[in-house]
Amino acid sequence: MRGKTAGWMLFLGSLLLLSFAATTRYSKTADLALICGRMTLLVAVSVLVVRERWKNYRNSGIRYNSKPDVPATALQRVRRWYYAER
């Protein structure tokens, strides 16, 4: 439930920034905030993807979740959160 609340808060915050972009006084600030937010997310996901591929390249013969005590990687946790898997 906490994950859904955080997602809705991010969505509503984005709508608030977009509404500020509609006014002339705050439009440049809102545009800058949205651009910075998008670029931050893009860099974070890119770093996670490169990190996972690097791990996969170095350990090409080893499966990560073959043992039950091996923790999930960051992208696997994000996937489970996004699709609400358990």
PDB file of N, CA and C in Angstrom:
ATOM      1  N   MET A   1       0.814  -1.190   0.000  1.00  0.00           N
ATOM      2  CA  MET A   1       0.000   0.000   0.000  1.00  0.00           C
ATOM      3  C   MET A   1       0.863   1.262   0.000  1.00  0.00           C
ATOM      4  N   ARG A   2       1.986   1.195   0.687  1.00  0.00           N
ATOM      5  CA  ARG A   2       2.859   2.355   0.759  1.00  0.00           C
ATOM      6  C   ARG A   2       3.420   2.710  -0.613  1.00  0.00           C
ATOM      7  N   GLY A   3       3.693   1.692  -1.444  1.00  0.00           N
ATOM      8  CA  GLY A   3       4.215   1.948  -2.785  1.00  0.00           C
ATOM      9  C   GLY A   3       3.204   2.652  -3.670  1.00  0.00           C
ATOM     10  N   LYS A   4       1.927   2.276  -3.536  1.00  0.00           N
ATOM     11  CA  LYS A   4       0.888   2.934  -4.332  1.00  0.00           C
ATOM     12  C   LYS A   4       0.721   4.385  -3.902  1.00  0.00           C
ATOM     13  N   THR A   5       0.813   4.630  -2.613  1.00  0.00           N
ATOM     14  CA  THR A   5       0.683   5.998  -2.118  1.00  0.00           C
ATOM     15  C   THR A   5       1.825   6.861  -2.636  1.00  0.00           C
ATOM     16  N   ALA A   6       3.029   6.327  -2.616  1.00  0.00           N
ATOM     17  CA  ALA A   6       4.180   7.082  -3.125  1.00  0.00           C
ATOM     18  C   ALA A   6       4.021   7.360  -4.619  1.00  0.00           C
ATOM     19  N   GLY A   7       3.535   6.388  -5.355  1.00  0.00           N
ATOM     20  CA  GLY A   7       3.304   6.580  -6.787  1.00  0.00           C
ATOM     21  C   GLY A   7       2.274   7.667  -7.062  1.00  0.00           C
ATOM     22  N   TRP A   8       1.189   7.651  -6.295  1.00  0.00           N
ATOM     23  CA  TRP A   8       0.169   8.687  -6.464  1.00  0.00           C
ATOM     24  C   TRP A   8       0.699  10.062  -6.074  1.00  0.00           C
ATOM     25  N   MET A   9       1.513  10.120  -5.038  1.00  0.00           N
ATOM     26  CA  MET A   9       2.079  11.413  -4.635  1.00  0.00           C
ATOM     27  C   MET A   9       2.997  11.973  -5.724  1.00  0.00           C
ATOM     28  N   LEU A  10       3.799  11.103  -6.357  1.00  0.00           N
ATOM     29  CA  LEU A  10       4.648  11.554  -7.465  1.00  0.00           C
ATOM     30  C   LEU A  10       3.803  12.040  -8.638  1.00  0.00           C
ATOM     31  N   PHE A  11       2.736  11.309  -8.921  1.00  0.00           N
ATOM     32  CA  PHE A  11       1.847  11.693 -10.014  1.00  0.00           C
ATOM     33  C   PHE A  11       1.199  13.044  -9.742  1.00  0.00           C
ATOM     34  N   LEU A  12       0.690  13.224  -8.538  1.00  0.00           N
ATOM     35  CA  LEU A  12       0.047  14.489  -8.201  1.00  0.00           C
ATOM     36  C   LEU A  12       1.048  15.644  -8.163  1.00  0.00           C
ATOM     37  N   GLY A  13       2.272  15.367  -7.717  1.00  0.00           N
ATOM     38  CA  GLY A  13       3.308  16.392  -7.745  1.00  0.00           C
ATOM     39  C   GLY A  13       3.642  16.805  -9.164  1.00  0.00           C
ATOM     40  N   SER A  14       3.676  15.838 -10.074  1.00  0.00           N
ATOM     41  CA  SER A  14       3.922  16.160 -11.484  1.00  0.00           C
ATOM     42  C   SER A  14       2.788  17.003 -12.060  1.00  0.00           C
ATOM     43  N   LEU A  15       1.550  16.650 -11.694  1.00  0.00           N
ATOM     44  CA  LEU A  15       0.420  17.462 -12.155  1.00  0.00           C
ATOM     45  C   LEU A  15       0.495  18.884 -11.609  1.00  0.00           C
ATOM     46  N   LEU A  16       0.943  19.013 -10.368  1.00  0.00           N
ATOM     47  CA  LEU A  16       1.099  20.349  -9.789  1.00  0.00           C
ATOM     48  C   LEU A  16       2.144  21.151 -10.561  1.00  0.00           C
ATOM     49  N   LEU A  17       3.273  20.522 -10.885  1.00  0.00           N
ATOM     50  CA  LEU A  17       4.297  21.214 -11.667  1.00  0.00           C
ATOM     51  C   LEU A  17       3.787  21.578 -13.054  1.00  0.00           C
ATOM     52  N   LEU A  18       3.001  20.675 -13.650  1.00  0.00           N
ATOM     53  CA  LEU A  18       2.439  20.977 -14.966  1.00  0.00           C
ATOM     54  C   LEU A  18       1.449  22.135 -14.891  1.00  0.00           C
ATOM     55  N   SER A  19       0.700  22.210 -13.809  1.00  0.00           N
ATOM     56  CA  SER A  19      -0.232  23.331 -13.680  1.00  0.00           C
ATOM     57  C   SER A  19       0.527  24.647 -13.507  1.00  0.00           C
ATOM     58  N   PHE A  20       1.683  24.593 -12.836  1.00  0.00           N
ATOM     59  CA  PHE A  20       2.503  25.788 -12.737  1.00  0.00           C
ATOM     60  C   PHE A  20       3.061  26.180 -14.108  1.00  0.00           C
ATOM     61  N   ALA A  21       3.301  25.187 -14.953  1.00  0.00           N
ATOM     62  CA  ALA A  21       3.827  25.474 -16.284  1.00  0.00           C
ATOM     63  C   ALA A  21       2.794  26.197 -17.147  1.00  0.00           C
ATOM     64  N   ALA A  22       1.535  26.081 -16.780  1.00  0.00           N
ATOM     65  CA  ALA A  22       0.489  26.739 -17.550  1.00  0.00           C
ATOM     66  C   ALA A  22       0.449  28.239 -17.265  1.00  0.00           C
ATOM     67  N   THR A  23       0.961  28.649 -16.131  1.00  0.00           N
ATOM     68  CA  THR A  23       0.976  30.079 -15.819  1.00  0.00           C
ATOM     69  C   THR A  23       2.280  30.680 -16.325  1.00  0.00           C
ATOM     70  N   THR A  24       2.246  31.925 -16.693  1.00  0.00           N
ATOM     71  CA  THR A  24       3.436  32.538 -17.283  1.00  0.00           C
ATOM     72  C   THR A  24       4.515  32.825 -16.256  1.00  0.00           C
ATOM     73  N   ARG A  25       4.134  33.083 -15.021  1.00  0.00           N
ATOM     74  CA  ARG A  25       5.119  33.475 -14.016  1.00  0.00           C
ATOM     75  C   ARG A  25       6.038  32.307 -13.624  1.00  0.00           C
ATOM     76  N   TYR A  26       5.474  31.105 -13.549  1.00  0.00           N
ATOM     77  CA  TYR A  26       6.248  29.956 -13.087  1.00  0.00           C
ATOM     78  C   TYR A  26       6.642  28.995 -14.205  1.00  0.00           C
ATOM     79  N   SER A  27       6.382  29.331 -15.428  1.00  0.00           N
ATOM     80  CA  SER A  27       6.564  28.363 -16.507  1.00  0.00           C
ATOM     81  C   SER A  27       8.014  27.919 -16.668  1.00  0.00           C
ATOM     82  N   LYS A  28       8.963  28.830 -16.592  1.00  0.00           N
ATOM     83  CA  LYS A  28      10.370  28.448 -16.762  1.00  0.00           C
ATOM     84  C   LYS A  28      10.848  27.594 -15.601  1.00  0.00           C
ATOM     85  N   THR A  29      10.425  27.924 -14.385  1.00  0.00           N
ATOM     86  CA  THR A  29      10.820  27.137 -13.216  1.00  0.00           C
ATOM     87  C   THR A  29      10.216  25.740 -13.284  1.00  0.00           C
ATOM     88  N   ALA A  30       8.946  25.645 -13.661  1.00  0.00           N
ATOM     89  CA  ALA A  30       8.288  24.345 -13.767  1.00  0.00           C
ATOM     90  C   ALA A  30       8.920  23.512 -14.877  1.00  0.00           C
ATOM     91  N   ASP A  31       9.205  24.123 -16.006  1.00  0.00           N
ATOM     92  CA  ASP A  31       9.864  23.400 -17.096  1.00  0.00           C
ATOM     93  C   ASP A  31      11.223  22.873 -16.660  1.00  0.00           C
ATOM     94  N   LEU A  32      11.977  23.703 -15.992  1.00  0.00           N
ATOM     95  CA  LEU A  32      13.293  23.285 -15.513  1.00  0.00           C
ATOM     96  C   LEU A  32      13.182  22.138 -14.511  1.00  0.00           C
ATOM     97  N   ALA A  33      12.214  22.207 -13.611  1.00  0.00           N
ATOM     98  CA  ALA A  33      12.025  21.147 -12.620  1.00  0.00           C
ATOM     99  C   ALA A  33      11.639  19.829 -13.292  1.00  0.00           C
ATOM    100  N   LEU A  34      10.731  19.887 -14.254  1.00  0.00           N
ATOM    101  CA  LEU A  34      10.322  18.673 -14.963  1.00  0.00           C
ATOM    102  C   LEU A  34      11.457  18.088 -15.792  1.00  0.00           C
ATOM    103  N   ILE A  35      12.231  18.936 -16.442  1.00  0.00           N
ATOM    104  CA  ILE A  35      13.362  18.460 -17.231  1.00  0.00           C
ATOM    105  C   ILE A  35      14.404  17.815 -16.326  1.00  0.00           C
ATOM    106  N   CYS A  36      14.696  18.448 -15.198  1.00  0.00           N
ATOM    107  CA  CYS A  36      15.673  17.876 -14.257  1.00  0.00           C
ATOM    108  C   CYS A  36      15.180  16.555 -13.683  1.00  0.00           C
ATOM    109  N   GLY A  37      13.898  16.478 -13.371  1.00  0.00           N
ATOM    110  CA  GLY A  37      13.339  15.222 -12.859  1.00  0.00           C
ATOM    111  C   GLY A  37      13.427  14.100 -13.871  1.00  0.00           C
ATOM    112  N   ARG A  38      13.096  14.404 -15.109  1.00  0.00           N
ATOM    113  CA  ARG A  38      13.165  13.383 -16.157  1.00  0.00           C
ATOM    114  C   ARG A  38      14.607  12.936 -16.411  1.00  0.00           C
ATOM    115  N   MET A  39      15.513  13.888 -16.454  1.00  0.00           N
ATOM    116  CA  MET A  39      16.916  13.537 -16.688  1.00  0.00           C
ATOM    117  C   MET A  39      17.471  12.712 -15.529  1.00  0.00           C
ATOM    118  N   THR A  40      17.076  13.032 -14.304  1.00  0.00           N
ATOM    119  CA  THR A  40      17.514  12.258 -13.141  1.00  0.00           C
ATOM    120  C   THR A  40      17.021  10.819 -13.236  1.00  0.00           C
ATOM    121  N   LEU A  41      15.750  10.649 -13.579  1.00  0.00           N
ATOM    122  CA  LEU A  41      15.219   9.295 -13.736  1.00  0.00           C
ATOM    123  C   LEU A  41      15.910   8.549 -14.871  1.00  0.00           C
ATOM    124  N   LEU A  42      16.174   9.235 -15.954  1.00  0.00           N
ATOM    125  CA  LEU A  42      16.840   8.615 -17.095  1.00  0.00           C
ATOM    126  C   LEU A  42      18.244   8.148 -16.721  1.00  0.00           C
ATOM    127  N   VAL A  43      18.985   8.979 -16.010  1.00  0.00           N
ATOM    128  CA  VAL A  43      20.335   8.609 -15.590  1.00  0.00           C
ATOM    129  C   VAL A  43      20.290   7.445 -14.600  1.00  0.00           C
ATOM    130  N   ALA A  44      19.354   7.475 -13.652  1.00  0.00           N
ATOM    131  CA  ALA A  44      19.259   6.415 -12.654  1.00  0.00           C
ATOM    132  C   ALA A  44      18.941   5.067 -13.306  1.00  0.00           C
ATOM    133  N   VAL A  45      17.980   5.047 -14.214  1.00  0.00           N
ATOM    134  CA  VAL A  45      17.630   3.789 -14.885  1.00  0.00           C
ATOM    135  C   VAL A  45      18.773   3.331 -15.782  1.00  0.00           C
ATOM    136  N   SER A  46      19.451   4.251 -16.436  1.00  0.00           N
ATOM    137  CA  SER A  46      20.585   3.890 -17.290  1.00  0.00           C
ATOM    138  C   SER A  46      21.711   3.268 -16.471  1.00  0.00           C
ATOM    139  N   VAL A  47      21.991   3.845 -15.316  1.00  0.00           N
ATOM    140  CA  VAL A  47      23.033   3.289 -14.452  1.00  0.00           C
ATOM    141  C   VAL A  47      22.651   1.891 -13.983  1.00  0.00           C
ATOM    142  N   LEU A  48      21.379   1.690 -13.610  1.00  0.00           N
ATOM    143  CA  LEU A  48      20.936   0.370 -13.177  1.00  0.00           C
ATOM    144  C   LEU A  48      21.044  -0.656 -14.306  1.00  0.00           C
ATOM    145  N   VAL A  49      20.674  -0.268 -15.520  1.00  0.00           N
ATOM    146  CA  VAL A  49      20.746  -1.202 -16.648  1.00  0.00           C
ATOM    147  C   VAL A  49      22.193  -1.558 -16.960  1.00  0.00           C
ATOM    148  N   VAL A  50      23.066  -0.573 -17.000  1.00  0.00           N
ATOM    149  CA  VAL A  50      24.479  -0.844 -17.284  1.00  0.00           C
ATOM    150  C   VAL A  50      25.080  -1.726 -16.187  1.00  0.00           C
ATOM    151  N   ARG A  51      24.721  -1.453 -14.938  1.00  0.00           N
ATOM    152  CA  ARG A  51      25.224  -2.261 -13.821  1.00  0.00           C
ATOM    153  C   ARG A  51      24.777  -3.723 -13.930  1.00  0.00           C
ATOM    154  N   GLU A  52      23.505  -3.938 -14.267  1.00  0.00           N
ATOM    155  CA  GLU A  52      22.997  -5.303 -14.417  1.00  0.00           C
ATOM    156  C   GLU A  52      23.660  -6.012 -15.598  1.00  0.00           C
ATOM    157  N   ARG A  53      23.829  -5.304 -16.688  1.00  0.00           N
ATOM    158  CA  ARG A  53      24.476  -5.932 -17.846  1.00  0.00           C
ATOM    159  C   ARG A  53      25.943  -6.234 -17.562  1.00  0.00           C
ATOM    160  N   TRP A  54      26.600  -5.375 -16.819  1.00  0.00           N
ATOM    161  CA  TRP A  54      27.988  -5.613 -16.460  1.00  0.00           C
ATOM    162  C   TRP A  54      28.095  -6.856 -15.572  1.00  0.00           C
ATOM    163  N   LYS A  55      27.192  -6.996 -14.607  1.00  0.00           N
ATOM    164  CA  LYS A  55      27.171  -8.190 -13.757  1.00  0.00           C
ATOM    165  C   LYS A  55      26.928  -9.440 -14.600  1.00  0.00           C
ATOM    166  N   ASN A  56      25.978  -9.322 -15.530  1.00  0.00           N
ATOM    167  CA  ASN A  56      25.647 -10.458 -16.379  1.00  0.00           C
ATOM    168  C   ASN A  56      26.822 -10.818 -17.279  1.00  0.00           C
ATOM    169  N   TYR A  57      27.559  -9.828 -17.741  1.00  0.00           N
ATOM    170  CA  TYR A  57      28.719 -10.071 -18.594  1.00  0.00           C
ATOM    171  C   TYR A  57      29.828 -10.775 -17.817  1.00  0.00           C
ATOM    172  N   ARG A  58      30.090 -10.306 -16.589  1.00  0.00           N
ATOM    173  CA  ARG A  58      31.163 -10.887 -15.784  1.00  0.00           C
ATOM    174  C   ARG A  58      30.840 -12.291 -15.311  1.00  0.00           C
ATOM    175  N   ASN A  59      29.588 -12.546 -14.993  1.00  0.00           N
ATOM    176  CA  ASN A  59      29.175 -13.843 -14.464  1.00  0.00           C
ATOM    177  C   ASN A  59      28.198 -14.506 -15.426  1.00  0.00           C
ATOM    178  N   SER A  60      28.603 -14.688 -16.659  1.00  0.00           N
ATOM    179  CA  SER A  60      27.676 -15.165 -17.680  1.00  0.00           C
ATOM    180  C   SER A  60      27.179 -16.581 -17.424  1.00  0.00           C
ATOM    181  N   GLY A  61      27.946 -17.404 -16.723  1.00  0.00           N
ATOM    182  CA  GLY A  61      27.510 -18.770 -16.459  1.00  0.00           C
ATOM    183  C   GLY A  61      26.736 -18.930 -15.173  1.00  0.00           C
ATOM    184  N   ILE A  62      26.597 -17.896 -14.389  1.00  0.00           N
ATOM    185  CA  ILE A  62      25.958 -18.001 -13.080  1.00  0.00           C
ATOM    186  C   ILE A  62      24.580 -17.347 -13.141  1.00  0.00           C
ATOM    187  N   ARG A  63      23.566 -18.078 -12.663  1.00  0.00           N
ATOM    188  CA  ARG A  63      22.226 -17.510 -12.539  1.00  0.00           C
ATOM    189  C   ARG A  63      22.107 -16.866 -11.163  1.00  0.00           C
ATOM    190  N   TYR A  64      21.566 -15.650 -11.096  1.00  0.00           N
ATOM    191  CA  TYR A  64      21.544 -14.920  -9.833  1.00  0.00           C
ATOM    192  C   TYR A  64      20.570 -15.490  -8.816  1.00  0.00           C
ATOM    193  N   ASN A  65      19.426 -15.927  -9.260  1.00  0.00           N
ATOM    194  CA  ASN A  65      18.428 -16.398  -8.309  1.00  0.00           C
ATOM    195  C   ASN A  65      18.358 -17.922  -8.271  1.00  0.00           C
ATOM    196  N   SER A  66      19.452 -18.588  -8.549  1.00  0.00           N
ATOM    197  CA  SER A  66      19.449 -20.036  -8.481  1.00  0.00           C
ATOM    198  C   SER A  66      19.436 -20.516  -7.033  1.00  0.00           C
ATOM    199  N   LYS A  67      19.978 -19.718  -6.117  1.00  0.00           N
ATOM    200  CA  LYS A  67      19.960 -20.056  -4.701  1.00  0.00           C
ATOM    201  C   LYS A  67      18.882 -19.226  -4.008  1.00  0.00           C
ATOM    202  N   PRO A  68      18.171 -19.800  -3.053  1.00  0.00           N
ATOM    203  CA  PRO A  68      17.106 -19.034  -2.400  1.00  0.00           C
ATOM    204  C   PRO A  68      17.617 -17.909  -1.504  1.00  0.00           C
ATOM    205  N   ASP A  69      18.861 -17.975  -1.046  1.00  0.00           N
ATOM    206  CA  ASP A  69      19.365 -16.948  -0.141  1.00  0.00           C
ATOM    207  C   ASP A  69      20.014 -15.771  -0.869  1.00  0.00           C
ATOM    208  N   VAL A  70      20.068 -15.813  -2.198  1.00  0.00           N
ATOM    209  CA  VAL A  70      20.657 -14.720  -2.973  1.00  0.00           C
ATOM    210  C   VAL A  70      19.624 -13.600  -3.097  1.00  0.00           C
ATOM    211  N   PRO A  71      19.967 -12.363  -2.689  1.00  0.00           N
ATOM    212  CA  PRO A  71      18.990 -11.266  -2.785  1.00  0.00           C
ATOM    213  C   PRO A  71      18.746 -10.862  -4.238  1.00  0.00           C
ATOM    214  N   ALA A  72      17.594 -10.282  -4.482  1.00  0.00           N
ATOM    215  CA  ALA A  72      17.239  -9.822  -5.822  1.00  0.00           C
ATOM    216  C   ALA A  72      18.061  -8.581  -6.175  1.00  0.00           C
ATOM    217  N   THR A  73      18.325  -8.435  -7.457  1.00  0.00           N
ATOM    218  CA  THR A  73      19.062  -7.256  -7.908  1.00  0.00           C
ATOM    219  C   THR A  73      18.117  -6.059  -7.945  1.00  0.00           C
ATOM    220  N   ALA A  74      18.670  -4.888  -8.163  1.00  0.00           N
ATOM    221  CA  ALA A  74      17.883  -3.659  -8.124  1.00  0.00           C
ATOM    222  C   ALA A  74      16.808  -3.638  -9.210  1.00  0.00           C
ATOM    223  N   LEU A  75      17.136  -4.065 -10.417  1.00  0.00           N
ATOM    224  CA  LEU A  75      16.137  -4.060 -11.488  1.00  0.00           C
ATOM    225  C   LEU A  75      15.042  -5.094 -11.240  1.00  0.00           C
ATOM    226  N   GLN A  76      15.393  -6.230 -10.627  1.00  0.00           N
ATOM    227  CA  GLN A  76      14.374  -7.218 -10.295  1.00  0.00           C
ATOM    228  C   GLN A  76      13.414  -6.678  -9.240  1.00  0.00           C
ATOM    229  N   ARG A  77      13.932  -5.934  -8.264  1.00  0.00           N
ATOM    230  CA  ARG A  77      13.064  -5.334  -7.251  1.00  0.00           C
ATOM    231  C   ARG A  77      12.152  -4.285  -7.871  1.00  0.00           C
ATOM    232  N   VAL A  78      12.687  -3.480  -8.797  1.00  0.00           N
ATOM    233  CA  VAL A  78      11.853  -2.472  -9.468  1.00  0.00           C
ATOM    234  C   VAL A  78      10.777  -3.154 -10.287  1.00  0.00           C
ATOM    235  N   ARG A  79      11.110  -4.245 -10.979  1.00  0.00           N
ATOM    236  CA  ARG A  79      10.125  -4.969 -11.785  1.00  0.00           C
ATOM    237  C   ARG A  79       9.026  -5.539 -10.905  1.00  0.00           C
ATOM    238  N   ARG A  80       9.406  -6.140  -9.771  1.00  0.00           N
ATOM    239  CA  ARG A  80       8.409  -6.685  -8.859  1.00  0.00           C
ATOM    240  C   ARG A  80       7.511  -5.586  -8.300  1.00  0.00           C
ATOM    241  N   TRP A  81       8.105  -4.411  -7.997  1.00  0.00           N
ATOM    242  CA  TRP A  81       7.301  -3.305  -7.485  1.00  0.00           C
ATOM    243  C   TRP A  81       6.337  -2.806  -8.554  1.00  0.00           C
ATOM    244  N   TYR A  82       6.807  -2.675  -9.786  1.00  0.00           N
ATOM    245  CA  TYR A  82       5.991  -2.132 -10.866  1.00  0.00           C
ATOM    246  C   TYR A  82       4.809  -3.053 -11.194  1.00  0.00           C
ATOM    247  N   TYR A  83       5.068  -4.348 -11.262  1.00  0.00           N
ATOM    248  CA  TYR A  83       4.016  -5.300 -11.613  1.00  0.00           C
ATOM    249  C   TYR A  83       3.316  -5.876 -10.389  1.00  0.00           C
ATOM    250  N   ALA A  84       3.657  -5.412  -9.206  1.00  0.00           N
ATOM    251  CA  ALA A  84       3.058  -5.861  -7.939  1.00  0.00           C
ATOM    252  C   ALA A  84       3.168  -7.377  -7.790  1.00  0.00           C
ATOM    253  N   GLU A  85       4.334  -7.911  -8.108  1.00  0.00           N
ATOM    254  CA  GLU A  85       4.587  -9.339  -7.963  1.00  0.00           C
ATOM    255  C   GLU A  85       5.088  -9.623  -6.559  1.00  0.00           C
ATOM    256  N   ARG A  86       5.016 -10.824  -6.145  1.00  0.00           N
ATOM    257  CA  ARG A  86       5.557 -11.244  -4.841  1.00  0.00           C
ATOM    258  C   ARG A  86       6.546 -12.332  -5.019  1.00  0.00           C
TER     259      ARG A  86
END
